[in-house]
Amino acid sequence: MTDNQRQPGRQRVTLAITGASGAQYGLRLLEVLLAGGHQVYLMVSKAAHVVIATETNLKLPGQAAQLEDFLTSHYQAAEGQLKVFGKEDWMSPPASGSGAPSSMVVCPCSTGTLSAIACGASNNLIERAADVALKERRKLILVPREAPYSSIHLENMLKLSQMGAVILPASPGFYHRPQTVNDMVDFLVARILNQLGIEQELLPRWGQSRE
């Protein structure tokens, strides 16, 4: 899917899924972005593969090319709409400020990834892509899922917030009266989409009717 093939209003988003619990959040966000016609550059850490196998019924291929084919088919995405990159694919668009999308989401974001981003480690493509987003002053949304937070975690979140990153913890609300786990997942995904400026119908905005 090229720039000319994308419809007006569609975005290109970098999505990283790391090894924190809450794989459903990242997978649901991927599903909604693809269903909305947005192009996604996806990275899945080795730890995330383990968590996804533990928390869901999906058995994801380990190699980037096979994972891309599997998820494209699974979510019925258009050809070229989803691009999956390996952990050391330094020539991929997310690795450079001249090629990276204007928005990146790490969902869920492990505290190890949080720490690496905060100190600019760039030891793998996920960390490098986040570093690019920070240095280029682009939207970076981090979705940590941990409990409780240690002082180290809080210090890293404060540091990244001061750099311009959005810290959006995986803390679902209940004012929309969720009936299922999926409702709680959609609450968080809707908040992420709002931050990306992407229209969504998963959750009414505060003050809107629930009808």
N, C-alpha and C. Protein backbone atom coordinates (compact mmCIF):
# COMPACT_ATOMS: atom_id res chain seq x y z
N MET A 1 0.85 -1.19 0.00
CA MET A 1 0.00 0.00 0.00
C MET A 1 0.88 1.24 0.00
N THR A 2 0.81 2.03 -1.03
CA THR A 2 1.63 3.24 -1.15
C THR A 2 0.86 4.44 -0.64
N ASP A 3 1.56 5.60 -0.58
CA ASP A 3 0.89 6.83 -0.15
C ASP A 3 -0.30 7.15 -1.06
N ASN A 4 -0.15 6.89 -2.36
CA ASN A 4 -1.22 7.20 -3.29
C ASN A 4 -2.40 6.26 -3.14
N GLN A 5 -2.15 5.04 -2.62
CA GLN A 5 -3.22 4.07 -2.46
C GLN A 5 -4.02 4.29 -1.18
N ARG A 6 -3.43 4.95 -0.19
CA ARG A 6 -4.16 5.18 1.06
C ARG A 6 -5.20 6.26 0.87
N GLN A 7 -6.35 6.08 1.48
CA GLN A 7 -7.41 7.05 1.37
C GLN A 7 -7.11 8.26 2.24
N PRO A 8 -7.69 9.42 1.89
CA PRO A 8 -7.48 10.62 2.72
C PRO A 8 -7.88 10.36 4.16
N GLY A 9 -7.09 10.87 5.08
CA GLY A 9 -7.38 10.68 6.50
C GLY A 9 -6.78 9.43 7.09
N ARG A 10 -6.25 8.56 6.23
CA ARG A 10 -5.61 7.35 6.74
C ARG A 10 -4.17 7.66 7.14
N GLN A 11 -3.73 7.03 8.20
CA GLN A 11 -2.40 7.29 8.74
C GLN A 11 -1.48 6.09 8.56
N ARG A 12 -0.18 6.37 8.73
CA ARG A 12 0.81 5.31 8.83
C ARG A 12 1.30 5.34 10.28
N VAL A 13 1.21 4.23 10.98
CA VAL A 13 1.52 4.16 12.40
C VAL A 13 2.52 3.05 12.66
N THR A 14 3.53 3.33 13.46
CA THR A 14 4.43 2.29 13.93
C THR A 14 3.85 1.73 15.23
N LEU A 15 3.71 0.41 15.29
CA LEU A 15 3.19 -0.25 16.48
C LEU A 15 4.20 -1.29 16.95
N ALA A 16 4.58 -1.19 18.21
CA ALA A 16 5.47 -2.19 18.82
C ALA A 16 4.72 -2.89 19.94
N ILE A 17 4.77 -4.21 19.95
CA ILE A 17 4.18 -5.01 21.01
C ILE A 17 5.32 -5.66 21.76
N THR A 18 5.43 -5.36 23.05
CA THR A 18 6.54 -5.89 23.85
C THR A 18 6.00 -6.87 24.89
N GLY A 19 6.88 -7.32 25.79
CA GLY A 19 6.58 -8.47 26.63
C GLY A 19 5.82 -8.22 27.92
N ALA A 20 5.18 -7.09 28.07
CA ALA A 20 4.33 -6.90 29.24
C ALA A 20 3.03 -7.68 29.08
N SER A 21 2.39 -8.02 30.18
CA SER A 21 1.07 -8.61 30.10
C SER A 21 0.12 -7.59 29.48
N GLY A 22 -0.89 -8.09 28.77
CA GLY A 22 -1.81 -7.19 28.09
C GLY A 22 -1.65 -7.24 26.58
N ALA A 23 -1.23 -8.40 26.07
CA ALA A 23 -1.06 -8.55 24.63
C ALA A 23 -2.35 -8.24 23.87
N GLN A 24 -3.49 -8.47 24.51
CA GLN A 24 -4.78 -8.21 23.85
C GLN A 24 -4.91 -6.75 23.44
N TYR A 25 -4.36 -5.84 24.22
CA TYR A 25 -4.43 -4.43 23.86
C TYR A 25 -3.74 -4.16 22.53
N GLY A 26 -2.51 -4.65 22.40
CA GLY A 26 -1.77 -4.42 21.18
C GLY A 26 -2.39 -5.09 19.98
N LEU A 27 -2.86 -6.31 20.14
CA LEU A 27 -3.47 -7.03 19.03
C LEU A 27 -4.78 -6.39 18.60
N ARG A 28 -5.55 -5.94 19.55
CA ARG A 28 -6.82 -5.28 19.20
C ARG A 28 -6.55 -3.94 18.51
N LEU A 29 -5.55 -3.21 18.97
CA LEU A 29 -5.19 -1.95 18.31
C LEU A 29 -4.77 -2.23 16.88
N LEU A 30 -3.96 -3.26 16.67
CA LEU A 30 -3.55 -3.64 15.31
C LEU A 30 -4.78 -3.95 14.45
N GLU A 31 -5.70 -4.72 14.99
CA GLU A 31 -6.91 -5.09 14.25
C GLU A 31 -7.70 -3.86 13.83
N VAL A 32 -7.90 -2.92 14.77
CA VAL A 32 -8.71 -1.74 14.48
C VAL A 32 -8.01 -0.82 13.48
N LEU A 33 -6.71 -0.66 13.60
CA LEU A 33 -5.97 0.18 12.65
C LEU A 33 -6.07 -0.39 11.24
N LEU A 34 -5.90 -1.69 11.11
CA LEU A 34 -5.98 -2.31 9.79
C LEU A 34 -7.40 -2.23 9.23
N ALA A 35 -8.39 -2.46 10.08
CA ALA A 35 -9.78 -2.38 9.63
C ALA A 35 -10.14 -0.97 9.17
N GLY A 36 -9.46 0.03 9.75
CA GLY A 36 -9.71 1.42 9.38
C GLY A 36 -8.95 1.88 8.16
N GLY A 37 -8.18 0.97 7.56
CA GLY A 37 -7.46 1.32 6.35
C GLY A 37 -6.12 1.99 6.57
N HIS A 38 -5.65 2.00 7.81
CA HIS A 38 -4.36 2.62 8.12
C HIS A 38 -3.23 1.63 7.84
N GLN A 39 -2.07 2.16 7.48
CA GLN A 39 -0.91 1.31 7.28
C GLN A 39 -0.17 1.18 8.60
N VAL A 40 0.28 -0.03 8.90
CA VAL A 40 0.95 -0.31 10.17
C VAL A 40 2.32 -0.91 9.92
N TYR A 41 3.32 -0.31 10.57
CA TYR A 41 4.65 -0.89 10.66
C TYR A 41 4.73 -1.58 12.02
N LEU A 42 4.85 -2.89 12.01
CA LEU A 42 4.73 -3.66 13.25
C LEU A 42 6.05 -4.30 13.65
N MET A 43 6.31 -4.26 14.96
CA MET A 43 7.44 -4.96 15.56
C MET A 43 6.94 -5.70 16.78
N VAL A 44 7.30 -6.97 16.89
CA VAL A 44 6.88 -7.80 18.02
C VAL A 44 8.13 -8.38 18.67
N SER A 45 8.33 -8.06 19.93
CA SER A 45 9.54 -8.54 20.61
C SER A 45 9.45 -10.04 20.87
N LYS A 46 10.61 -10.64 21.16
CA LYS A 46 10.66 -12.07 21.47
C LYS A 46 9.81 -12.38 22.70
N ALA A 47 9.91 -11.53 23.72
CA ALA A 47 9.11 -11.73 24.94
C ALA A 47 7.63 -11.60 24.64
N ALA A 48 7.27 -10.72 23.71
CA ALA A 48 5.86 -10.54 23.35
C ALA A 48 5.30 -11.81 22.72
N HIS A 49 6.11 -12.51 21.94
CA HIS A 49 5.67 -13.78 21.36
C HIS A 49 5.28 -14.75 22.47
N VAL A 50 6.08 -14.79 23.54
CA VAL A 50 5.79 -15.68 24.66
C VAL A 50 4.49 -15.27 25.35
N VAL A 51 4.31 -13.98 25.58
CA VAL A 51 3.11 -13.49 26.26
C VAL A 51 1.87 -13.74 25.41
N ILE A 52 1.98 -13.48 24.10
CA ILE A 52 0.83 -13.70 23.21
C ILE A 52 0.41 -15.17 23.23
N ALA A 53 1.38 -16.08 23.23
CA ALA A 53 1.06 -17.50 23.28
C ALA A 53 0.43 -17.88 24.60
N THR A 54 0.77 -17.14 25.66
CA THR A 54 0.24 -17.43 26.99
C THR A 54 -1.16 -16.84 27.19
N GLU A 55 -1.38 -15.63 26.68
CA GLU A 55 -2.61 -14.89 26.97
C GLU A 55 -3.68 -15.04 25.89
N THR A 56 -3.32 -15.55 24.73
CA THR A 56 -4.29 -15.67 23.64
C THR A 56 -4.18 -17.07 23.02
N ASN A 57 -5.04 -17.31 22.06
CA ASN A 57 -5.01 -18.58 21.33
C ASN A 57 -4.17 -18.50 20.06
N LEU A 58 -3.55 -17.35 19.82
CA LEU A 58 -2.75 -17.18 18.61
C LEU A 58 -1.38 -17.83 18.77
N LYS A 59 -0.93 -18.50 17.76
CA LYS A 59 0.42 -19.05 17.70
C LYS A 59 1.13 -18.36 16.54
N LEU A 60 1.88 -17.34 16.86
CA LEU A 60 2.48 -16.50 15.83
C LEU A 60 3.80 -17.07 15.32
N PRO A 61 4.04 -16.99 14.01
CA PRO A 61 5.34 -17.37 13.47
C PRO A 61 6.43 -16.47 14.04
N GLY A 62 7.62 -17.01 14.14
CA GLY A 62 8.71 -16.26 14.74
C GLY A 62 9.42 -15.32 13.79
N GLN A 63 9.41 -15.64 12.49
CA GLN A 63 10.11 -14.82 11.50
C GLN A 63 9.22 -13.70 10.98
N ALA A 64 9.84 -12.55 10.69
CA ALA A 64 9.07 -11.36 10.32
C ALA A 64 8.23 -11.58 9.06
N ALA A 65 8.79 -12.19 8.03
CA ALA A 65 8.06 -12.36 6.78
C ALA A 65 6.85 -13.27 6.97
N GLN A 66 7.04 -14.37 7.70
CA GLN A 66 5.93 -15.29 7.95
C GLN A 66 4.88 -14.66 8.86
N LEU A 67 5.33 -13.86 9.82
CA LEU A 67 4.39 -13.18 10.72
C LEU A 67 3.56 -12.17 9.94
N GLU A 68 4.20 -11.47 9.02
CA GLU A 68 3.47 -10.50 8.19
C GLU A 68 2.38 -11.20 7.38
N ASP A 69 2.72 -12.33 6.76
CA ASP A 69 1.73 -13.07 5.97
C ASP A 69 0.59 -13.58 6.87
N PHE A 70 0.95 -14.09 8.03
CA PHE A 70 -0.06 -14.65 8.95
C PHE A 70 -1.04 -13.57 9.41
N LEU A 71 -0.52 -12.43 9.87
CA LEU A 71 -1.39 -11.38 10.40
C LEU A 71 -2.18 -10.68 9.30
N THR A 72 -1.59 -10.55 8.11
CA THR A 72 -2.33 -9.98 6.98
C THR A 72 -3.55 -10.82 6.68
N SER A 73 -3.37 -12.14 6.68
CA SER A 73 -4.49 -13.04 6.43
C SER A 73 -5.46 -13.06 7.60
N HIS A 74 -4.93 -13.11 8.82
CA HIS A 74 -5.77 -13.20 10.02
C HIS A 74 -6.69 -12.00 10.16
N TYR A 75 -6.18 -10.81 9.85
CA TYR A 75 -6.98 -9.59 9.99
C TYR A 75 -7.53 -9.09 8.66
N GLN A 76 -7.36 -9.88 7.61
CA GLN A 76 -7.90 -9.57 6.29
C GLN A 76 -7.47 -8.18 5.84
N ALA A 77 -6.20 -7.88 6.02
CA ALA A 77 -5.65 -6.59 5.61
C ALA A 77 -5.39 -6.58 4.12
N ALA A 78 -5.31 -5.38 3.56
CA ALA A 78 -5.00 -5.23 2.15
C ALA A 78 -3.52 -5.57 1.92
N GLU A 79 -3.21 -5.94 0.71
CA GLU A 79 -1.83 -6.25 0.37
C GLU A 79 -0.93 -5.04 0.62
N GLY A 80 0.13 -5.23 1.36
CA GLY A 80 1.06 -4.16 1.64
C GLY A 80 0.65 -3.23 2.77
N GLN A 81 -0.53 -3.47 3.35
CA GLN A 81 -1.02 -2.58 4.41
C GLN A 81 -0.25 -2.79 5.71
N LEU A 82 0.19 -4.01 5.95
CA LEU A 82 0.94 -4.35 7.16
C LEU A 82 2.37 -4.72 6.78
N LYS A 83 3.33 -4.08 7.44
CA LYS A 83 4.74 -4.40 7.27
C LYS A 83 5.30 -4.80 8.63
N VAL A 84 5.88 -5.99 8.71
CA VAL A 84 6.47 -6.47 9.96
C VAL A 84 7.98 -6.47 9.83
N PHE A 85 8.66 -5.93 10.85
CA PHE A 85 10.11 -5.81 10.82
C PHE A 85 10.73 -6.57 11.99
N GLY A 86 11.89 -7.15 11.75
CA GLY A 86 12.62 -7.87 12.77
C GLY A 86 13.36 -6.93 13.71
N LYS A 87 13.89 -7.51 14.79
CA LYS A 87 14.48 -6.70 15.87
C LYS A 87 15.75 -5.96 15.44
N GLU A 88 16.41 -6.41 14.37
CA GLU A 88 17.64 -5.75 13.92
C GLU A 88 17.55 -5.32 12.46
N ASP A 89 16.35 -4.98 12.04
CA ASP A 89 16.15 -4.51 10.66
C ASP A 89 16.44 -3.01 10.60
N TRP A 90 17.73 -2.69 10.63
CA TRP A 90 18.14 -1.29 10.74
C TRP A 90 17.87 -0.48 9.48
N MET A 91 17.58 -1.15 8.36
CA MET A 91 17.30 -0.44 7.12
C MET A 91 15.80 -0.19 6.92
N SER A 92 14.98 -0.54 7.90
CA SER A 92 13.54 -0.33 7.79
C SER A 92 13.19 1.14 8.05
N PRO A 93 12.06 1.61 7.53
CA PRO A 93 11.66 3.02 7.71
C PRO A 93 11.63 3.49 9.16
N PRO A 94 11.14 2.69 10.14
CA PRO A 94 11.09 3.21 11.51
C PRO A 94 12.45 3.52 12.13
N ALA A 95 13.53 3.03 11.51
CA ALA A 95 14.86 3.23 12.08
C ALA A 95 15.45 4.60 11.76
N SER A 96 14.78 5.38 10.92
CA SER A 96 15.34 6.67 10.52
C SER A 96 14.29 7.77 10.56
N GLY A 97 14.72 8.95 10.94
CA GLY A 97 13.82 10.08 10.97
C GLY A 97 13.28 10.46 9.61
N SER A 98 13.99 10.08 8.55
CA SER A 98 13.54 10.42 7.20
C SER A 98 12.50 9.44 6.67
N GLY A 99 12.30 8.31 7.38
CA GLY A 99 11.35 7.32 6.89
C GLY A 99 10.29 6.92 7.86
N ALA A 100 10.46 7.25 9.13
CA ALA A 100 9.53 6.80 10.16
C ALA A 100 8.19 7.52 10.06
N PRO A 101 7.09 6.83 10.41
CA PRO A 101 5.78 7.48 10.48
C PRO A 101 5.76 8.58 11.53
N SER A 102 4.73 9.40 11.49
CA SER A 102 4.63 10.52 12.43
C SER A 102 4.17 10.09 13.80
N SER A 103 3.70 8.83 13.94
CA SER A 103 3.20 8.36 15.22
C SER A 103 3.71 6.97 15.51
N MET A 104 4.01 6.71 16.80
CA MET A 104 4.41 5.38 17.23
C MET A 104 3.72 5.05 18.54
N VAL A 105 3.30 3.79 18.66
CA VAL A 105 2.67 3.31 19.88
C VAL A 105 3.41 2.05 20.33
N VAL A 106 3.76 1.99 21.61
CA VAL A 106 4.30 0.77 22.20
C VAL A 106 3.23 0.24 23.14
N CYS A 107 2.58 -0.86 22.73
CA CYS A 107 1.39 -1.34 23.45
C CYS A 107 1.32 -2.86 23.41
N PRO A 108 1.45 -3.52 24.56
CA PRO A 108 1.84 -2.93 25.85
C PRO A 108 3.33 -2.65 25.87
N CYS A 109 3.72 -1.79 26.79
CA CYS A 109 5.13 -1.41 26.92
C CYS A 109 5.68 -2.00 28.22
N SER A 110 6.60 -2.93 28.09
CA SER A 110 7.21 -3.51 29.28
C SER A 110 8.06 -2.46 29.99
N THR A 111 8.29 -2.66 31.28
CA THR A 111 9.12 -1.69 32.00
C THR A 111 10.57 -1.75 31.55
N GLY A 112 11.00 -2.89 31.00
CA GLY A 112 12.33 -2.97 30.44
C GLY A 112 12.45 -2.10 29.20
N THR A 113 11.45 -2.16 28.33
CA THR A 113 11.43 -1.30 27.15
C THR A 113 11.33 0.15 27.55
N LEU A 114 10.51 0.44 28.54
CA LEU A 114 10.37 1.79 29.05
C LEU A 114 11.72 2.34 29.48
N SER A 115 12.46 1.55 30.23
CA SER A 115 13.78 1.95 30.70
C SER A 115 14.74 2.20 29.54
N ALA A 116 14.74 1.28 28.57
CA ALA A 116 15.65 1.40 27.44
C ALA A 116 15.35 2.66 26.62
N ILE A 117 14.07 2.96 26.43
CA ILE A 117 13.70 4.17 25.69
C ILE A 117 14.11 5.42 26.46
N ALA A 118 13.92 5.38 27.78
CA ALA A 118 14.24 6.54 28.61
C ALA A 118 15.72 6.88 28.58
N CYS A 119 16.57 5.87 28.41
CA CYS A 119 18.02 6.14 28.41
C CYS A 119 18.61 6.13 27.00
N GLY A 120 17.76 5.96 25.97
CA GLY A 120 18.24 6.02 24.60
C GLY A 120 19.10 4.85 24.20
N ALA A 121 18.82 3.66 24.71
CA ALA A 121 19.67 2.49 24.48
C ALA A 121 19.75 2.11 23.00
N SER A 122 18.61 2.05 22.33
CA SER A 122 18.55 1.71 20.90
C SER A 122 19.26 0.39 20.58
N ASN A 123 19.07 -0.61 21.42
CA ASN A 123 19.70 -1.91 21.22
C ASN A 123 18.95 -2.79 20.22
N ASN A 124 17.72 -2.43 19.90
CA ASN A 124 16.95 -3.16 18.91
C ASN A 124 16.05 -2.17 18.18
N LEU A 125 15.32 -2.65 17.18
CA LEU A 125 14.55 -1.74 16.34
C LEU A 125 13.43 -1.04 17.11
N ILE A 126 12.81 -1.72 18.06
CA ILE A 126 11.76 -1.08 18.84
C ILE A 126 12.33 0.12 19.59
N GLU A 127 13.44 -0.08 20.26
CA GLU A 127 14.06 1.02 21.01
C GLU A 127 14.53 2.13 20.08
N ARG A 128 15.10 1.77 18.94
CA ARG A 128 15.57 2.77 17.99
C ARG A 128 14.41 3.56 17.41
N ALA A 129 13.31 2.88 17.06
CA ALA A 129 12.15 3.58 16.50
C ALA A 129 11.58 4.58 17.50
N ALA A 130 11.54 4.19 18.79
CA ALA A 130 11.06 5.13 19.81
C ALA A 130 12.02 6.29 19.97
N ASP A 131 13.32 6.02 19.88
CA ASP A 131 14.33 7.08 19.96
C ASP A 131 14.16 8.06 18.81
N VAL A 132 13.87 7.53 17.62
CA VAL A 132 13.62 8.39 16.46
C VAL A 132 12.40 9.28 16.71
N ALA A 133 11.33 8.69 17.23
CA ALA A 133 10.13 9.48 17.50
C ALA A 133 10.42 10.62 18.46
N LEU A 134 11.22 10.35 19.48
CA LEU A 134 11.56 11.39 20.44
C LEU A 134 12.42 12.48 19.83
N LYS A 135 13.45 12.08 19.10
CA LYS A 135 14.37 13.09 18.57
C LYS A 135 13.73 13.93 17.47
N GLU A 136 12.76 13.35 16.76
CA GLU A 136 12.07 14.08 15.71
C GLU A 136 10.84 14.83 16.22
N ARG A 137 10.60 14.74 17.54
CA ARG A 137 9.46 15.40 18.17
C ARG A 137 8.13 14.92 17.57
N ARG A 138 8.05 13.61 17.37
CA ARG A 138 6.83 13.02 16.85
C ARG A 138 6.04 12.35 17.97
N LYS A 139 4.81 12.01 17.68
CA LYS A 139 3.95 11.40 18.69
C LYS A 139 4.48 10.03 19.09
N LEU A 140 4.71 9.86 20.38
CA LEU A 140 5.13 8.57 20.94
C LEU A 140 4.22 8.26 22.11
N ILE A 141 3.46 7.16 21.99
CA ILE A 141 2.52 6.76 23.03
C ILE A 141 3.02 5.46 23.64
N LEU A 142 3.23 5.47 24.95
CA LEU A 142 3.71 4.30 25.67
C LEU A 142 2.62 3.81 26.60
N VAL A 143 2.33 2.51 26.53
CA VAL A 143 1.23 1.93 27.30
C VAL A 143 1.81 0.92 28.28
N PRO A 144 2.33 1.39 29.42
CA PRO A 144 2.90 0.45 30.40
C PRO A 144 1.82 -0.36 31.09
N ARG A 145 2.15 -1.61 31.44
CA ARG A 145 1.22 -2.47 32.17
C ARG A 145 2.04 -3.19 33.24
N GLU A 146 2.00 -2.64 34.43
CA GLU A 146 2.74 -3.20 35.56
C GLU A 146 2.02 -2.79 36.83
N ALA A 147 2.18 -3.57 37.88
CA ALA A 147 1.57 -3.22 39.16
C ALA A 147 2.29 -3.96 40.28
N PRO A 148 2.71 -3.24 41.31
CA PRO A 148 2.74 -1.78 41.39
C PRO A 148 3.93 -1.23 40.62
N TYR A 149 3.97 0.08 40.45
CA TYR A 149 5.12 0.73 39.82
C TYR A 149 6.18 1.01 40.88
N SER A 150 7.42 0.72 40.54
CA SER A 150 8.52 1.08 41.45
C SER A 150 8.91 2.53 41.19
N SER A 151 9.74 3.06 42.05
CA SER A 151 10.24 4.43 41.84
C SER A 151 11.00 4.54 40.53
N ILE A 152 11.71 3.47 40.15
CA ILE A 152 12.43 3.48 38.87
C ILE A 152 11.45 3.62 37.71
N HIS A 153 10.36 2.85 37.75
CA HIS A 153 9.36 2.94 36.68
C HIS A 153 8.78 4.35 36.61
N LEU A 154 8.44 4.90 37.76
CA LEU A 154 7.83 6.23 37.80
C LEU A 154 8.81 7.30 37.32
N GLU A 155 10.07 7.16 37.70
CA GLU A 155 11.08 8.12 37.25
C GLU A 155 11.24 8.06 35.74
N ASN A 156 11.24 6.85 35.18
CA ASN A 156 11.36 6.71 33.73
C ASN A 156 10.16 7.29 33.01
N MET A 157 8.97 7.08 33.56
CA MET A 157 7.77 7.64 32.94
C MET A 157 7.79 9.17 33.00
N LEU A 158 8.22 9.72 34.13
CA LEU A 158 8.31 11.17 34.25
C LEU A 158 9.32 11.73 33.25
N LYS A 159 10.46 11.07 33.15
CA LYS A 159 11.50 11.51 32.22
C LYS A 159 10.99 11.52 30.79
N LEU A 160 10.30 10.45 30.40
CA LEU A 160 9.78 10.36 29.05
C LEU A 160 8.64 11.35 28.81
N SER A 161 7.80 11.56 29.80
CA SER A 161 6.74 12.55 29.67
C SER A 161 7.32 13.94 29.46
N GLN A 162 8.39 14.25 30.17
CA GLN A 162 9.04 15.54 30.00
C GLN A 162 9.69 15.69 28.63
N MET A 163 10.01 14.55 27.99
CA MET A 163 10.56 14.58 26.62
C MET A 163 9.46 14.73 25.57
N GLY A 164 8.21 14.60 25.98
CA GLY A 164 7.10 14.74 25.04
C GLY A 164 6.33 13.48 24.76
N ALA A 165 6.77 12.35 25.32
CA ALA A 165 6.02 11.11 25.13
C ALA A 165 4.71 11.14 25.92
N VAL A 166 3.72 10.42 25.42
CA VAL A 166 2.45 10.28 26.12
C VAL A 166 2.48 8.97 26.90
N ILE A 167 2.32 9.06 28.21
CA ILE A 167 2.26 7.87 29.05
C ILE A 167 0.80 7.53 29.27
N LEU A 168 0.37 6.41 28.70
CA LEU A 168 -1.04 6.04 28.75
C LEU A 168 -1.13 4.64 29.36
N PRO A 169 -1.15 4.55 30.69
CA PRO A 169 -1.15 3.24 31.35
C PRO A 169 -2.35 2.39 30.96
N ALA A 170 -2.17 1.10 30.98
CA ALA A 170 -3.26 0.18 30.68
C ALA A 170 -4.20 0.11 31.88
N SER A 171 -4.96 1.18 32.05
CA SER A 171 -5.88 1.31 33.19
C SER A 171 -7.29 1.54 32.66
N PRO A 172 -8.03 0.49 32.36
CA PRO A 172 -9.37 0.67 31.80
C PRO A 172 -10.32 1.33 32.78
N GLY A 173 -11.20 2.16 32.23
CA GLY A 173 -12.23 2.80 33.05
C GLY A 173 -13.48 1.94 33.11
N PHE A 174 -14.43 2.41 33.93
CA PHE A 174 -15.65 1.63 34.11
C PHE A 174 -16.91 2.47 33.93
N TYR A 175 -16.74 3.76 33.59
CA TYR A 175 -17.92 4.61 33.47
C TYR A 175 -18.77 4.23 32.26
N HIS A 176 -18.20 3.47 31.30
CA HIS A 176 -18.99 3.02 30.16
C HIS A 176 -19.66 1.67 30.44
N ARG A 177 -19.54 1.20 31.68
CA ARG A 177 -20.19 -0.02 32.14
C ARG A 177 -19.84 -1.23 31.28
N PRO A 178 -18.58 -1.62 31.27
CA PRO A 178 -18.17 -2.76 30.44
C PRO A 178 -18.86 -4.04 30.88
N GLN A 179 -19.24 -4.84 29.89
CA GLN A 179 -19.91 -6.11 30.16
C GLN A 179 -18.98 -7.30 29.96
N THR A 180 -17.92 -7.09 29.20
CA THR A 180 -17.00 -8.19 28.89
C THR A 180 -15.56 -7.69 28.98
N VAL A 181 -14.63 -8.64 28.95
CA VAL A 181 -13.22 -8.27 28.90
C VAL A 181 -12.93 -7.48 27.63
N ASN A 182 -13.57 -7.85 26.53
CA ASN A 182 -13.36 -7.13 25.27
C ASN A 182 -13.76 -5.67 25.39
N ASP A 183 -14.81 -5.39 26.15
CA ASP A 183 -15.22 -4.00 26.37
C ASP A 183 -14.11 -3.22 27.08
N MET A 184 -13.45 -3.86 28.02
CA MET A 184 -12.38 -3.20 28.77
C MET A 184 -11.15 -2.98 27.88
N VAL A 185 -10.88 -3.95 27.01
CA VAL A 185 -9.78 -3.78 26.05
C VAL A 185 -10.08 -2.63 25.10
N ASP A 186 -11.32 -2.59 24.60
CA ASP A 186 -11.70 -1.54 23.66
C ASP A 186 -11.63 -0.16 24.29
N PHE A 187 -11.89 -0.06 25.59
CA PHE A 187 -11.78 1.23 26.27
C PHE A 187 -10.38 1.81 26.09
N LEU A 188 -9.38 0.99 26.34
CA LEU A 188 -8.01 1.48 26.24
C LEU A 188 -7.62 1.75 24.79
N VAL A 189 -8.02 0.86 23.89
CA VAL A 189 -7.70 1.06 22.48
C VAL A 189 -8.32 2.36 21.98
N ALA A 190 -9.54 2.64 22.42
CA ALA A 190 -10.19 3.89 22.02
C ALA A 190 -9.41 5.11 22.50
N ARG A 191 -8.87 5.04 23.71
CA ARG A 191 -8.08 6.16 24.22
C ARG A 191 -6.80 6.37 23.41
N ILE A 192 -6.21 5.26 22.97
CA ILE A 192 -5.02 5.36 22.13
C ILE A 192 -5.38 6.00 20.78
N LEU A 193 -6.47 5.56 20.19
CA LEU A 193 -6.90 6.11 18.91
C LEU A 193 -7.21 7.60 19.04
N ASN A 194 -7.80 8.00 20.15
CA ASN A 194 -8.05 9.43 20.37
C ASN A 194 -6.74 10.22 20.39
N GLN A 195 -5.72 9.65 21.02
CA GLN A 195 -4.42 10.31 21.06
C GLN A 195 -3.79 10.41 19.67
N LEU A 196 -4.07 9.42 18.84
CA LEU A 196 -3.54 9.43 17.47
C LEU A 196 -4.34 10.34 16.54
N GLY A 197 -5.48 10.83 17.01
CA GLY A 197 -6.33 11.66 16.18
C GLY A 197 -7.10 10.85 15.15
N ILE A 198 -7.36 9.58 15.47
CA ILE A 198 -8.07 8.68 14.57
C ILE A 198 -9.50 8.50 15.07
N GLU A 199 -10.46 8.71 14.19
CA GLU A 199 -11.86 8.55 14.56
C GLU A 199 -12.12 7.10 14.98
N GLN A 200 -12.92 6.94 16.03
CA GLN A 200 -13.23 5.60 16.51
C GLN A 200 -14.64 5.55 17.06
N GLU A 201 -15.23 4.36 16.99
CA GLU A 201 -16.58 4.14 17.50
C GLU A 201 -16.60 3.07 18.58
N LEU A 202 -15.45 2.81 19.16
CA LEU A 202 -15.36 1.80 20.21
C LEU A 202 -15.92 2.30 21.53
N LEU A 203 -15.80 3.61 21.74
CA LEU A 203 -16.15 4.19 23.04
C LEU A 203 -16.67 5.60 22.83
N PRO A 204 -17.87 5.92 23.34
CA PRO A 204 -18.36 7.29 23.22
C PRO A 204 -17.52 8.22 24.07
N ARG A 205 -17.31 9.43 23.58
CA ARG A 205 -16.58 10.41 24.37
C ARG A 205 -17.41 10.83 25.58
N TRP A 206 -16.72 11.30 26.58
CA TRP A 206 -17.41 11.71 27.81
C TRP A 206 -18.49 12.74 27.50
N GLY A 207 -19.70 12.49 28.00
CA GLY A 207 -20.81 13.40 27.77
C GLY A 207 -21.69 12.98 26.60
N GLN A 208 -21.20 12.08 25.74
CA GLN A 208 -21.99 11.60 24.64
C GLN A 208 -22.91 10.47 25.11
N SER A 209 -24.00 10.30 24.41
CA SER A 209 -24.95 9.25 24.75
C SER A 209 -24.30 7.88 24.49
N ARG A 210 -24.64 6.89 25.32
CA ARG A 210 -24.17 5.53 25.10
C ARG A 210 -25.09 4.75 24.16
N GLU A 211 -26.12 5.40 23.67
CA GLU A 211 -27.07 4.68 22.81
C GLU A 211 -26.40 4.29 21.51
